[in-house]
Amino acid sequence: KERIRRDGIVKPGNVLKVDSFLNHQMDVALFQEIGKEFYRLFGDCGVTKILTIEASGIGIACVTAQFFHCPVIFAKKKDKEYRGDVYTSQVESFTHGKVYDIIVAKEFLLPTDRV
């Protein structure tokens, strides 16, 4: 909260810009503290995979996964050439004002996984 208050910038439309420490430039020490906090909150839940989207969450997910000792999966924007069995969903980018189809290959996210 402190970092968002100090370095976050609210743009028109109430869009919070965190480019200086999360998106464009990444503060890995901050990511480590976020990962520790996720582990403190969810470390006893049996997490087997960390799932994020192909965007700003990848860095935090990777650092967090080190605490959980598990792989990271990221949902990708749908690729017309991708062939295979996938989970699909849609997400809205507030930054770009678009809705994207995203996919995760079922081979990487099993029914036995805890995400």
N, C-alpha and C. Protein backbone atom coordinates (compact mmCIF):
# COMPACT_ATOMS: atom_id res chain seq x y z
N LYS A 1 0.83 -1.19 0.00
CA LYS A 1 0.00 0.00 0.00
C LYS A 1 0.87 1.25 0.00
N GLU A 2 1.91 1.20 0.83
CA GLU A 2 2.80 2.35 0.94
C GLU A 2 3.45 2.68 -0.41
N ARG A 3 3.89 1.64 -1.13
CA ARG A 3 4.56 1.87 -2.41
C ARG A 3 3.59 2.42 -3.45
N ILE A 4 2.37 1.92 -3.45
CA ILE A 4 1.35 2.41 -4.39
C ILE A 4 1.05 3.87 -4.09
N ARG A 5 0.89 4.20 -2.82
CA ARG A 5 0.61 5.59 -2.45
C ARG A 5 1.75 6.52 -2.84
N ARG A 6 2.99 6.03 -2.66
CA ARG A 6 4.15 6.87 -2.94
C ARG A 6 4.43 7.01 -4.43
N ASP A 7 4.38 5.90 -5.18
CA ASP A 7 4.84 5.92 -6.56
C ASP A 7 3.76 5.66 -7.61
N GLY A 8 2.59 5.24 -7.19
CA GLY A 8 1.50 5.01 -8.14
C GLY A 8 0.93 6.33 -8.63
N ILE A 9 0.46 6.33 -9.86
CA ILE A 9 -0.13 7.53 -10.46
C ILE A 9 -1.51 7.17 -10.96
N VAL A 10 -2.51 7.92 -10.52
CA VAL A 10 -3.87 7.69 -10.99
C VAL A 10 -4.12 8.54 -12.22
N LYS A 11 -4.43 7.86 -13.31
CA LYS A 11 -4.70 8.51 -14.59
C LYS A 11 -6.20 8.70 -14.77
N PRO A 12 -6.60 9.48 -15.76
CA PRO A 12 -8.04 9.63 -16.02
C PRO A 12 -8.72 8.27 -16.18
N GLY A 13 -9.93 8.20 -15.68
CA GLY A 13 -10.67 6.93 -15.70
C GLY A 13 -10.34 6.04 -14.53
N ASN A 14 -9.64 6.62 -13.53
CA ASN A 14 -9.22 5.88 -12.34
C ASN A 14 -8.33 4.68 -12.65
N VAL A 15 -7.46 4.82 -13.64
CA VAL A 15 -6.49 3.78 -13.98
C VAL A 15 -5.24 4.04 -13.15
N LEU A 16 -4.84 3.04 -12.37
CA LEU A 16 -3.65 3.15 -11.53
C LEU A 16 -2.43 2.72 -12.32
N LYS A 17 -1.48 3.61 -12.50
CA LYS A 17 -0.24 3.32 -13.21
C LYS A 17 0.84 2.99 -12.20
N VAL A 18 1.43 1.83 -12.35
CA VAL A 18 2.49 1.39 -11.44
C VAL A 18 3.75 1.00 -12.24
N ASP A 19 3.94 1.72 -13.34
CA ASP A 19 5.04 1.43 -14.25
C ASP A 19 6.41 1.53 -13.59
N SER A 20 6.56 2.38 -12.62
CA SER A 20 7.89 2.60 -12.05
C SER A 20 8.37 1.48 -11.14
N PHE A 21 7.47 0.55 -10.74
CA PHE A 21 7.92 -0.53 -9.87
C PHE A 21 7.28 -1.88 -10.17
N LEU A 22 6.33 -1.93 -11.10
CA LEU A 22 5.65 -3.20 -11.35
C LEU A 22 5.63 -3.60 -12.83
N ASN A 23 5.34 -2.67 -13.71
CA ASN A 23 5.11 -3.02 -15.12
C ASN A 23 6.34 -2.81 -15.99
N HIS A 24 6.73 -1.57 -16.16
CA HIS A 24 7.80 -1.24 -17.09
C HIS A 24 9.17 -1.44 -16.44
N GLN A 25 9.26 -1.06 -15.20
CA GLN A 25 10.45 -1.27 -14.39
C GLN A 25 10.00 -2.11 -13.20
N MET A 26 10.76 -3.16 -12.86
CA MET A 26 10.34 -4.07 -11.80
C MET A 26 11.25 -3.98 -10.59
N ASP A 27 10.64 -3.81 -9.44
CA ASP A 27 11.36 -3.78 -8.17
C ASP A 27 11.34 -5.19 -7.60
N VAL A 28 12.40 -5.95 -7.86
CA VAL A 28 12.45 -7.35 -7.48
C VAL A 28 12.43 -7.53 -5.96
N ALA A 29 13.02 -6.61 -5.22
CA ALA A 29 12.96 -6.69 -3.75
C ALA A 29 11.51 -6.58 -3.27
N LEU A 30 10.74 -5.71 -3.90
CA LEU A 30 9.32 -5.59 -3.58
C LEU A 30 8.60 -6.89 -3.94
N PHE A 31 8.91 -7.45 -5.11
CA PHE A 31 8.30 -8.72 -5.52
C PHE A 31 8.57 -9.81 -4.49
N GLN A 32 9.79 -9.81 -3.95
CA GLN A 32 10.14 -10.82 -2.94
C GLN A 32 9.27 -10.65 -1.69
N GLU A 33 9.04 -9.43 -1.28
CA GLU A 33 8.17 -9.19 -0.13
C GLU A 33 6.73 -9.61 -0.43
N ILE A 34 6.28 -9.36 -1.65
CA ILE A 34 4.93 -9.79 -2.05
C ILE A 34 4.86 -11.31 -2.03
N GLY A 35 5.87 -11.97 -2.58
CA GLY A 35 5.91 -13.44 -2.58
C GLY A 35 5.88 -14.01 -1.17
N LYS A 36 6.64 -13.41 -0.27
CA LYS A 36 6.64 -13.84 1.14
C LYS A 36 5.25 -13.71 1.75
N GLU A 37 4.58 -12.61 1.44
CA GLU A 37 3.24 -12.38 1.99
C GLU A 37 2.23 -13.38 1.41
N PHE A 38 2.32 -13.65 0.12
CA PHE A 38 1.45 -14.68 -0.46
C PHE A 38 1.69 -16.03 0.22
N TYR A 39 2.96 -16.33 0.46
CA TYR A 39 3.27 -17.61 1.13
C TYR A 39 2.74 -17.62 2.56
N ARG A 40 2.86 -16.49 3.24
CA ARG A 40 2.34 -16.42 4.61
C ARG A 40 0.82 -16.66 4.61
N LEU A 41 0.14 -16.09 3.64
CA LEU A 41 -1.31 -16.21 3.58
C LEU A 41 -1.79 -17.56 3.05
N PHE A 42 -1.06 -18.14 2.08
CA PHE A 42 -1.55 -19.32 1.38
C PHE A 42 -0.61 -20.52 1.43
N GLY A 43 0.46 -20.43 2.21
CA GLY A 43 1.47 -21.48 2.25
C GLY A 43 0.97 -22.82 2.73
N ASP A 44 -0.10 -22.83 3.50
CA ASP A 44 -0.63 -24.10 4.02
C ASP A 44 -1.80 -24.62 3.19
N CYS A 45 -2.00 -24.09 2.00
CA CYS A 45 -3.14 -24.49 1.15
C CYS A 45 -2.80 -25.58 0.14
N GLY A 46 -1.57 -26.06 0.15
CA GLY A 46 -1.19 -27.12 -0.77
C GLY A 46 -1.03 -26.67 -2.22
N VAL A 47 -0.62 -25.43 -2.43
CA VAL A 47 -0.46 -24.88 -3.78
C VAL A 47 0.56 -25.71 -4.55
N THR A 48 0.18 -26.12 -5.79
CA THR A 48 1.08 -26.88 -6.65
C THR A 48 1.47 -26.11 -7.91
N LYS A 49 0.73 -25.05 -8.23
CA LYS A 49 1.05 -24.22 -9.39
C LYS A 49 0.64 -22.78 -9.08
N ILE A 50 1.40 -21.84 -9.62
CA ILE A 50 1.04 -20.43 -9.57
C ILE A 50 0.56 -20.06 -10.98
N LEU A 51 -0.62 -19.46 -11.08
CA LEU A 51 -1.19 -19.09 -12.38
C LEU A 51 -1.33 -17.57 -12.45
N THR A 52 -0.86 -17.02 -13.55
CA THR A 52 -1.01 -15.59 -13.80
C THR A 52 -1.32 -15.41 -15.28
N ILE A 53 -1.35 -14.18 -15.71
CA ILE A 53 -1.64 -13.90 -17.12
C ILE A 53 -0.39 -13.33 -17.77
N GLU A 54 -0.35 -13.41 -19.09
CA GLU A 54 0.78 -12.93 -19.88
C GLU A 54 0.81 -11.40 -19.81
N ALA A 55 1.33 -10.91 -18.71
CA ALA A 55 1.35 -9.47 -18.48
C ALA A 55 2.23 -9.19 -17.27
N SER A 56 1.90 -8.16 -16.55
CA SER A 56 2.70 -7.70 -15.42
C SER A 56 2.83 -8.70 -14.30
N GLY A 57 1.96 -9.66 -14.23
CA GLY A 57 1.98 -10.62 -13.12
C GLY A 57 3.07 -11.66 -13.20
N ILE A 58 3.73 -11.79 -14.35
CA ILE A 58 4.71 -12.87 -14.51
C ILE A 58 5.87 -12.72 -13.53
N GLY A 59 6.39 -11.52 -13.38
CA GLY A 59 7.52 -11.32 -12.46
C GLY A 59 7.17 -11.69 -11.03
N ILE A 60 6.06 -11.19 -10.55
CA ILE A 60 5.63 -11.50 -9.18
C ILE A 60 5.36 -12.99 -9.04
N ALA A 61 4.73 -13.60 -10.04
CA ALA A 61 4.44 -15.03 -9.99
C ALA A 61 5.72 -15.85 -9.88
N CYS A 62 6.74 -15.49 -10.65
CA CYS A 62 8.00 -16.23 -10.62
C CYS A 62 8.68 -16.14 -9.26
N VAL A 63 8.72 -14.96 -8.71
CA VAL A 63 9.34 -14.81 -7.39
C VAL A 63 8.51 -15.54 -6.33
N THR A 64 7.20 -15.44 -6.41
CA THR A 64 6.31 -16.12 -5.46
C THR A 64 6.49 -17.64 -5.53
N ALA A 65 6.63 -18.16 -6.75
CA ALA A 65 6.78 -19.61 -6.92
C ALA A 65 8.01 -20.16 -6.22
N GLN A 66 9.03 -19.33 -6.05
CA GLN A 66 10.22 -19.78 -5.32
C GLN A 66 9.88 -20.10 -3.87
N PHE A 67 8.95 -19.40 -3.27
CA PHE A 67 8.55 -19.67 -1.89
C PHE A 67 7.69 -20.93 -1.80
N PHE A 68 6.89 -21.17 -2.83
CA PHE A 68 6.00 -22.34 -2.85
C PHE A 68 6.67 -23.57 -3.45
N HIS A 69 7.85 -23.39 -4.05
CA HIS A 69 8.58 -24.49 -4.70
C HIS A 69 7.70 -25.19 -5.72
N CYS A 70 7.14 -24.40 -6.63
CA CYS A 70 6.25 -24.95 -7.65
C CYS A 70 6.43 -24.17 -8.95
N PRO A 71 5.91 -24.72 -10.05
CA PRO A 71 6.01 -24.02 -11.34
C PRO A 71 5.02 -22.87 -11.47
N VAL A 72 5.30 -22.02 -12.43
CA VAL A 72 4.42 -20.92 -12.81
C VAL A 72 3.82 -21.25 -14.18
N ILE A 73 2.53 -21.03 -14.31
CA ILE A 73 1.85 -21.13 -15.60
C ILE A 73 1.32 -19.74 -15.89
N PHE A 74 1.41 -19.31 -17.14
CA PHE A 74 0.75 -18.06 -17.46
C PHE A 74 -0.21 -18.25 -18.62
N ALA A 75 -1.39 -17.67 -18.44
CA ALA A 75 -2.41 -17.69 -19.49
C ALA A 75 -1.93 -16.77 -20.60
N LYS A 76 -1.94 -17.30 -21.81
CA LYS A 76 -1.46 -16.55 -22.97
C LYS A 76 -2.63 -15.99 -23.76
N LYS A 77 -2.38 -14.89 -24.43
CA LYS A 77 -3.37 -14.39 -25.37
C LYS A 77 -3.54 -15.45 -26.45
N LYS A 78 -4.78 -15.69 -26.82
CA LYS A 78 -5.07 -16.78 -27.75
C LYS A 78 -4.29 -16.62 -29.03
N ASP A 79 -3.61 -17.68 -29.39
CA ASP A 79 -2.80 -17.74 -30.60
C ASP A 79 -3.56 -18.57 -31.62
N LYS A 80 -3.83 -18.00 -32.78
CA LYS A 80 -4.60 -18.71 -33.81
C LYS A 80 -3.92 -20.00 -34.24
N GLU A 81 -2.61 -20.06 -34.09
CA GLU A 81 -1.87 -21.23 -34.53
C GLU A 81 -1.77 -22.30 -33.45
N TYR A 82 -2.16 -22.00 -32.22
CA TYR A 82 -2.03 -22.98 -31.15
C TYR A 82 -3.03 -24.10 -31.35
N ARG A 83 -2.54 -25.29 -31.35
CA ARG A 83 -3.39 -26.47 -31.49
C ARG A 83 -3.25 -27.28 -30.21
N GLY A 84 -4.35 -27.69 -29.67
CA GLY A 84 -4.29 -28.52 -28.48
C GLY A 84 -5.49 -28.28 -27.59
N ASP A 85 -5.54 -29.06 -26.54
CA ASP A 85 -6.63 -28.99 -25.59
C ASP A 85 -6.33 -27.88 -24.58
N VAL A 86 -7.19 -26.87 -24.53
CA VAL A 86 -6.91 -25.71 -23.68
C VAL A 86 -8.13 -25.30 -22.87
N TYR A 87 -7.85 -24.63 -21.76
CA TYR A 87 -8.88 -23.89 -21.03
C TYR A 87 -8.90 -22.50 -21.65
N THR A 88 -10.07 -21.91 -21.76
CA THR A 88 -10.16 -20.57 -22.32
C THR A 88 -10.98 -19.67 -21.40
N SER A 89 -10.71 -18.39 -21.50
CA SER A 89 -11.47 -17.39 -20.78
C SER A 89 -11.28 -16.07 -21.50
N GLN A 90 -11.94 -15.05 -21.01
CA GLN A 90 -11.76 -13.71 -21.56
C GLN A 90 -11.39 -12.77 -20.43
N VAL A 91 -10.54 -11.81 -20.73
CA VAL A 91 -10.15 -10.78 -19.77
C VAL A 91 -10.22 -9.43 -20.44
N GLU A 92 -10.53 -8.43 -19.64
CA GLU A 92 -10.60 -7.07 -20.17
C GLU A 92 -9.36 -6.32 -19.74
N SER A 93 -8.71 -5.68 -20.70
CA SER A 93 -7.58 -4.81 -20.42
C SER A 93 -8.12 -3.40 -20.25
N PHE A 94 -8.05 -2.90 -19.03
CA PHE A 94 -8.51 -1.54 -18.79
C PHE A 94 -7.55 -0.53 -19.44
N THR A 95 -6.28 -0.92 -19.53
CA THR A 95 -5.28 -0.05 -20.14
C THR A 95 -5.55 0.14 -21.62
N HIS A 96 -5.88 -0.94 -22.32
CA HIS A 96 -6.07 -0.88 -23.77
C HIS A 96 -7.53 -0.83 -24.17
N GLY A 97 -8.45 -0.99 -23.22
CA GLY A 97 -9.86 -0.94 -23.53
C GLY A 97 -10.33 -2.06 -24.44
N LYS A 98 -9.71 -3.24 -24.32
CA LYS A 98 -10.03 -4.38 -25.17
C LYS A 98 -10.33 -5.60 -24.32
N VAL A 99 -11.08 -6.53 -24.91
CA VAL A 99 -11.30 -7.83 -24.30
C VAL A 99 -10.47 -8.83 -25.09
N TYR A 100 -9.70 -9.64 -24.37
CA TYR A 100 -8.83 -10.64 -24.99
C TYR A 100 -9.28 -12.04 -24.63
N ASP A 101 -9.15 -12.96 -25.57
CA ASP A 101 -9.30 -14.38 -25.29
C ASP A 101 -7.95 -14.86 -24.77
N ILE A 102 -7.97 -15.64 -23.71
CA ILE A 102 -6.74 -16.20 -23.17
C ILE A 102 -6.87 -17.71 -23.08
N ILE A 103 -5.72 -18.39 -23.09
CA ILE A 103 -5.71 -19.84 -23.03
C ILE A 103 -4.65 -20.35 -22.07
N VAL A 104 -4.91 -21.53 -21.51
CA VAL A 104 -3.92 -22.29 -20.74
C VAL A 104 -4.03 -23.72 -21.24
N ALA A 105 -2.91 -24.30 -21.64
CA ALA A 105 -2.91 -25.68 -22.11
C ALA A 105 -3.27 -26.61 -20.94
N LYS A 106 -4.21 -27.50 -21.19
CA LYS A 106 -4.67 -28.42 -20.14
C LYS A 106 -3.55 -29.34 -19.66
N GLU A 107 -2.56 -29.57 -20.49
CA GLU A 107 -1.45 -30.43 -20.07
C GLU A 107 -0.65 -29.83 -18.92
N PHE A 108 -0.73 -28.52 -18.74
CA PHE A 108 0.02 -27.86 -17.68
C PHE A 108 -0.82 -27.55 -16.44
N LEU A 109 -2.12 -27.73 -16.52
CA LEU A 109 -3.01 -27.44 -15.40
C LEU A 109 -3.93 -28.64 -15.22
N LEU A 110 -3.57 -29.51 -14.30
CA LEU A 110 -4.24 -30.78 -14.11
C LEU A 110 -5.35 -30.68 -13.06
N PRO A 111 -6.31 -31.57 -13.12
CA PRO A 111 -7.40 -31.56 -12.12
C PRO A 111 -6.89 -31.73 -10.68
N THR A 112 -5.73 -32.32 -10.53
CA THR A 112 -5.16 -32.53 -9.19
C THR A 112 -4.40 -31.31 -8.68
N ASP A 113 -4.17 -30.33 -9.53
CA ASP A 113 -3.42 -29.14 -9.11
C ASP A 113 -4.23 -28.26 -8.16
N ARG A 114 -3.50 -27.60 -7.28
CA ARG A 114 -4.06 -26.56 -6.41
C ARG A 114 -3.38 -25.28 -6.85
N VAL A 115 -4.18 -24.32 -7.32
CA VAL A 115 -3.65 -23.12 -7.96
C VAL A 115 -3.85 -21.91 -7.08
